[in-house]
N, C-alpha and C. Protein backbone atom coordinates (compact mmCIF):
# COMPACT_ATOMS: atom_id res chain seq x y z
N MET A 1 11.81 -33.15 -12.73
CA MET A 1 10.57 -33.51 -12.60
C MET A 1 11.53 -32.89 -10.68
N ALA A 2 12.55 -33.53 -10.35
CA ALA A 2 12.56 -32.77 -8.99
C ALA A 2 12.37 -31.87 -8.61
N TRP A 3 12.82 -30.71 -9.60
CA TRP A 3 12.70 -29.30 -9.74
C TRP A 3 11.36 -29.16 -9.62
N LEU A 4 10.27 -29.62 -10.23
CA LEU A 4 8.90 -28.88 -10.78
C LEU A 4 8.56 -29.69 -9.63
N GLY A 5 8.30 -31.04 -8.81
CA GLY A 5 8.30 -31.04 -7.23
C GLY A 5 8.49 -29.94 -5.84
N LEU A 6 9.97 -29.30 -6.47
CA LEU A 6 10.55 -28.42 -5.55
C LEU A 6 9.60 -27.06 -5.83
N LEU A 7 9.55 -26.97 -7.21
CA LEU A 7 8.24 -25.51 -7.77
C LEU A 7 6.78 -25.88 -7.01
N LEU A 8 6.16 -26.28 -6.41
CA LEU A 8 5.36 -26.97 -6.24
C LEU A 8 5.50 -26.94 -5.01
N GLY A 9 6.38 -26.86 -4.22
CA GLY A 9 6.30 -27.52 -3.14
C GLY A 9 6.88 -26.30 -2.24
N VAL A 10 7.43 -25.53 -2.63
CA VAL A 10 7.88 -24.50 -2.53
C VAL A 10 6.44 -22.95 -2.95
N LEU A 11 6.17 -23.07 -4.04
CA LEU A 11 4.21 -22.27 -3.91
C LEU A 11 3.10 -22.72 -2.98
N CYS A 12 3.43 -23.95 -2.64
CA CYS A 12 2.67 -24.74 -1.58
C CYS A 12 2.69 -23.84 -0.13
N VAL A 13 3.75 -23.76 0.43
CA VAL A 13 4.00 -22.65 1.76
C VAL A 13 3.83 -21.77 1.81
N LEU A 14 3.79 -20.52 0.69
CA LEU A 14 4.00 -20.19 -0.25
C LEU A 14 2.63 -19.05 0.03
N TRP A 15 1.38 -20.27 -0.29
CA TRP A 15 0.41 -20.48 -0.11
C TRP A 15 -0.18 -20.04 0.76
N LEU A 16 0.58 -20.76 1.82
CA LEU A 16 -0.15 -21.49 3.31
C LEU A 16 0.30 -20.19 3.92
N LEU A 17 1.44 -19.77 3.80
CA LEU A 17 2.06 -18.26 4.34
C LEU A 17 1.79 -17.22 4.00
N GLY A 18 0.98 -17.38 3.62
CA GLY A 18 0.13 -16.00 2.56
C GLY A 18 -0.25 -14.71 3.41
N PRO A 19 -1.13 -15.37 4.31
CA PRO A 19 -1.47 -14.52 5.30
C PRO A 19 -0.74 -13.99 6.54
N VAL A 20 0.77 -14.51 6.44
CA VAL A 20 1.84 -13.93 7.86
C VAL A 20 2.84 -13.52 6.41
N LEU A 21 2.81 -13.54 5.40
CA LEU A 21 3.86 -12.80 4.70
C LEU A 21 3.16 -11.17 3.75
N THR A 22 1.68 -11.14 3.60
CA THR A 22 1.27 -9.82 2.99
C THR A 22 2.00 -8.26 4.12
N PRO A 23 1.72 -8.73 4.90
CA PRO A 23 2.13 -7.49 5.68
C PRO A 23 4.02 -7.65 4.86
N PHE A 24 4.81 -8.11 5.19
CA PHE A 24 5.88 -8.03 5.23
C PHE A 24 5.52 -7.74 3.19
N VAL A 25 4.84 -7.56 2.41
CA VAL A 25 5.01 -7.33 1.34
C VAL A 25 4.53 -6.40 1.26
N ILE A 26 2.96 -5.91 1.91
CA ILE A 26 3.21 -4.16 1.57
C ILE A 26 3.41 -3.63 1.77
N ALA A 27 4.78 -4.06 3.13
CA ALA A 27 5.99 -3.27 2.96
C ALA A 27 7.11 -2.72 3.14
N ALA A 28 7.19 -3.50 1.41
CA ALA A 28 8.54 -3.24 1.50
C ALA A 28 8.04 -2.98 -0.50
N ILE A 29 6.40 -2.97 -0.41
CA ILE A 29 6.48 -2.04 -1.68
C ILE A 29 6.11 -0.27 -1.45
N LEU A 30 6.24 -0.25 0.00
CA LEU A 30 5.19 0.67 -0.20
C LEU A 30 7.05 1.48 0.55
N ALA A 31 7.82 0.93 0.94
CA ALA A 31 9.20 1.36 1.35
C ALA A 31 9.89 1.59 0.09
N TYR A 32 9.83 0.61 -1.29
CA TYR A 32 10.35 0.78 -2.46
C TYR A 32 9.63 2.33 -2.94
N ALA A 33 8.53 2.08 -3.17
CA ALA A 33 8.36 3.41 -3.80
C ALA A 33 8.06 4.84 -2.57
N LEU A 34 8.02 4.64 -1.48
CA LEU A 34 8.40 5.98 -0.85
C LEU A 34 9.88 6.79 -1.01
N ALA A 35 10.77 5.92 -0.99
CA ALA A 35 12.06 5.52 -0.57
C ALA A 35 12.65 7.00 -1.51
N PRO A 36 12.50 7.06 -2.56
CA PRO A 36 13.09 8.61 -4.04
C PRO A 36 12.60 9.89 -3.30
N VAL A 37 11.19 9.44 -3.04
CA VAL A 37 10.76 10.68 -1.73
C VAL A 37 11.55 11.27 -1.03
N VAL A 38 11.57 10.74 0.09
CA VAL A 38 12.02 10.52 1.32
C VAL A 38 13.93 10.91 0.79
N GLN A 39 14.44 10.71 -0.12
CA GLN A 39 15.47 11.03 -0.53
C GLN A 39 15.50 11.69 -1.18
N SER A 40 14.44 12.71 -1.63
CA SER A 40 14.65 13.85 -2.41
C SER A 40 14.85 14.92 -1.16
N ILE A 41 13.48 14.86 -0.52
CA ILE A 41 13.30 15.31 0.78
C ILE A 41 14.07 15.76 1.38
N GLN A 42 15.29 14.66 2.40
CA GLN A 42 16.12 15.02 2.29
C GLN A 42 17.73 15.13 2.34
N THR A 43 18.17 15.64 0.08
CA THR A 43 19.20 15.88 -0.06
C THR A 43 17.88 17.41 0.45
N ARG A 44 17.19 17.74 -0.59
CA ARG A 44 16.45 19.07 -0.49
C ARG A 44 16.02 20.32 0.77
N SER A 45 17.44 19.51 1.77
CA SER A 45 16.31 20.03 2.81
C SER A 45 17.34 21.07 3.31
N LEU A 46 16.71 22.31 3.30
CA LEU A 46 17.78 23.36 3.94
C LEU A 46 18.83 22.60 5.56
N ARG A 47 17.86 22.50 6.53
CA ARG A 47 18.90 21.82 7.62
C ARG A 47 18.74 20.57 7.71
N ARG A 48 19.11 19.69 8.14
CA ARG A 48 19.83 18.58 8.30
C ARG A 48 19.25 17.43 9.00
N LEU A 49 17.97 17.43 9.00
CA LEU A 49 16.70 16.60 9.08
C LEU A 49 17.56 15.15 9.08
N PRO A 50 16.89 14.64 10.52
CA PRO A 50 17.13 13.22 10.08
C PRO A 50 16.16 12.26 9.95
N ARG A 51 17.08 11.15 8.84
CA ARG A 51 15.95 10.32 8.48
C ARG A 51 15.09 9.79 9.16
N PHE A 52 14.60 9.30 9.95
CA PHE A 52 13.62 9.65 10.62
C PHE A 52 12.52 10.16 10.51
N ILE A 53 12.76 11.25 11.32
CA ILE A 53 11.73 12.93 10.86
C ILE A 53 11.21 12.14 9.62
N ILE A 54 11.68 12.34 8.40
CA ILE A 54 11.60 12.81 7.49
C ILE A 54 10.83 11.23 6.89
N VAL A 55 11.34 10.06 7.42
CA VAL A 55 10.24 9.44 6.85
C VAL A 55 8.78 9.14 7.83
N LEU A 56 8.72 9.25 9.13
CA LEU A 56 7.55 9.76 10.39
C LEU A 56 6.36 10.39 8.80
N VAL A 57 7.27 11.76 8.51
CA VAL A 57 6.32 12.77 7.92
C VAL A 57 5.58 12.51 6.84
N VAL A 58 6.64 11.18 6.19
CA VAL A 58 6.02 10.74 4.35
C VAL A 58 4.93 9.89 4.59
N GLU A 59 4.95 9.47 5.73
CA GLU A 59 4.39 8.03 6.08
C GLU A 59 3.17 8.78 6.38
N VAL A 60 2.78 10.09 7.60
CA VAL A 60 2.14 10.89 8.00
C VAL A 60 1.48 10.87 7.68
N LEU A 61 2.02 11.73 5.69
CA LEU A 61 1.11 12.11 4.65
C LEU A 61 0.32 11.60 4.76
N LEU A 62 0.90 10.26 3.68
CA LEU A 62 0.75 9.41 3.43
C LEU A 62 -0.33 8.83 3.33
N ILE A 63 -0.90 8.84 4.87
CA ILE A 63 -1.45 8.80 5.74
C ILE A 63 -3.42 8.75 5.44
N VAL A 64 -2.27 10.43 5.82
CA VAL A 64 -2.72 11.59 6.33
C VAL A 64 -4.69 11.56 4.08
N SER A 65 -3.75 11.58 4.08
CA SER A 65 -3.75 11.19 2.42
C SER A 65 -4.74 10.57 1.79
N ILE A 66 -4.32 9.25 2.20
CA ILE A 66 -5.82 8.34 2.22
C ILE A 66 -6.87 8.25 3.08
N ILE A 67 -6.90 8.67 3.59
CA ILE A 67 -7.66 9.20 5.11
C ILE A 67 -9.04 9.46 3.77
N GLY A 68 -8.08 10.73 3.59
CA GLY A 68 -8.77 12.16 3.20
C GLY A 68 -9.77 11.89 2.40
N LEU A 69 -9.08 11.17 1.12
CA LEU A 69 -9.60 10.42 -0.58
C LEU A 69 -11.12 9.49 -0.48
N VAL A 70 -10.65 8.72 1.03
CA VAL A 70 -11.64 7.84 1.33
C VAL A 70 -13.62 8.90 1.96
N LEU A 71 -12.51 9.23 2.82
CA LEU A 71 -13.55 10.67 3.17
C LEU A 71 -14.47 10.88 2.02
N LEU A 72 -13.31 11.95 1.14
CA LEU A 72 -14.09 12.27 0.13
C LEU A 72 -15.30 11.44 -0.86
N LEU A 73 -14.09 10.25 -1.66
CA LEU A 73 -15.27 9.26 -2.26
C LEU A 73 -16.28 8.92 -1.49
N LEU A 74 -16.46 8.70 0.26
CA LEU A 74 -17.04 7.72 0.40
C LEU A 74 -18.84 8.16 0.94
N PRO A 75 -18.76 9.05 -0.16
CA PRO A 75 -20.27 10.08 0.14
C PRO A 75 -20.80 10.01 -1.10
N VAL A 76 -19.46 9.90 -2.36
CA VAL A 76 -20.09 9.93 -3.13
C VAL A 76 -20.65 8.59 -3.82
N MET A 77 -19.97 7.15 -3.42
CA MET A 77 -20.11 6.27 -3.48
C MET A 77 -21.86 5.98 -2.70
N VAL A 78 -21.73 6.75 -1.43
CA VAL A 78 -22.83 5.63 -0.33
C VAL A 78 -24.14 6.35 -1.92
N LYS A 79 -24.67 7.41 -2.16
CA LYS A 79 -25.52 8.38 -3.34
C LYS A 79 -24.75 7.45 -4.00
N GLN A 80 -24.49 7.15 -5.55
CA GLN A 80 -24.36 6.72 -6.45
C GLN A 80 -24.91 5.29 -6.24
N LEU A 81 -24.57 4.14 -4.99
CA LEU A 81 -24.88 2.50 -5.13
C LEU A 81 -26.00 2.48 -5.06
N PRO A 82 -26.90 3.34 -4.93
CA PRO A 82 -28.51 2.95 -5.01
C PRO A 82 -28.68 3.28 -6.44
N LEU A 83 -27.89 4.16 -7.28
CA LEU A 83 -28.88 4.28 -7.75
C LEU A 83 -27.84 3.17 -9.41
N LEU A 84 -26.49 2.57 -8.67
CA LEU A 84 -26.58 1.81 -9.76
C LEU A 84 -27.01 0.49 -10.19
N LYS A 85 -27.28 0.45 -8.67
CA LYS A 85 -28.31 -0.54 -8.01
C LYS A 85 -29.72 -0.80 -8.77
N ASP A 86 -30.06 -0.23 -9.01
CA ASP A 86 -31.07 0.28 -9.84
C ASP A 86 -31.50 -0.26 -11.59
N GLN A 87 -29.91 0.12 -11.83
CA GLN A 87 -29.73 0.39 -13.43
C GLN A 87 -29.57 -0.69 -13.50
N ILE A 88 -28.78 -1.78 -12.69
CA ILE A 88 -28.28 -3.03 -12.90
C ILE A 88 -29.40 -4.22 -14.07
N PRO A 89 -29.39 -5.10 -14.36
CA PRO A 89 -31.15 -5.95 -14.63
C PRO A 89 -30.90 -6.97 -13.60
N ASN A 90 -31.77 -7.34 -14.01
CA ASN A 90 -32.19 -8.16 -12.69
C ASN A 90 -31.96 -9.44 -13.67
């Protein structure tokens, strides 16, 4: 019973701290996902570039690709949403 109470207390605290913890969770997921890319570039680079520069380049490329994807899909979605709205039954 004590373990269940402790678990509920921890879950309650995590739920209340959700808005504060969200950026840290997103950063941890991105770091975990992009670490192999950075390591691969670092081992394959002819000149030994500093890891900071490689991380910066990878993050900028990720941000540019996300912005490009949004800019590519946004006009299509704006065009298709009225058609979808017309097809949905009332």
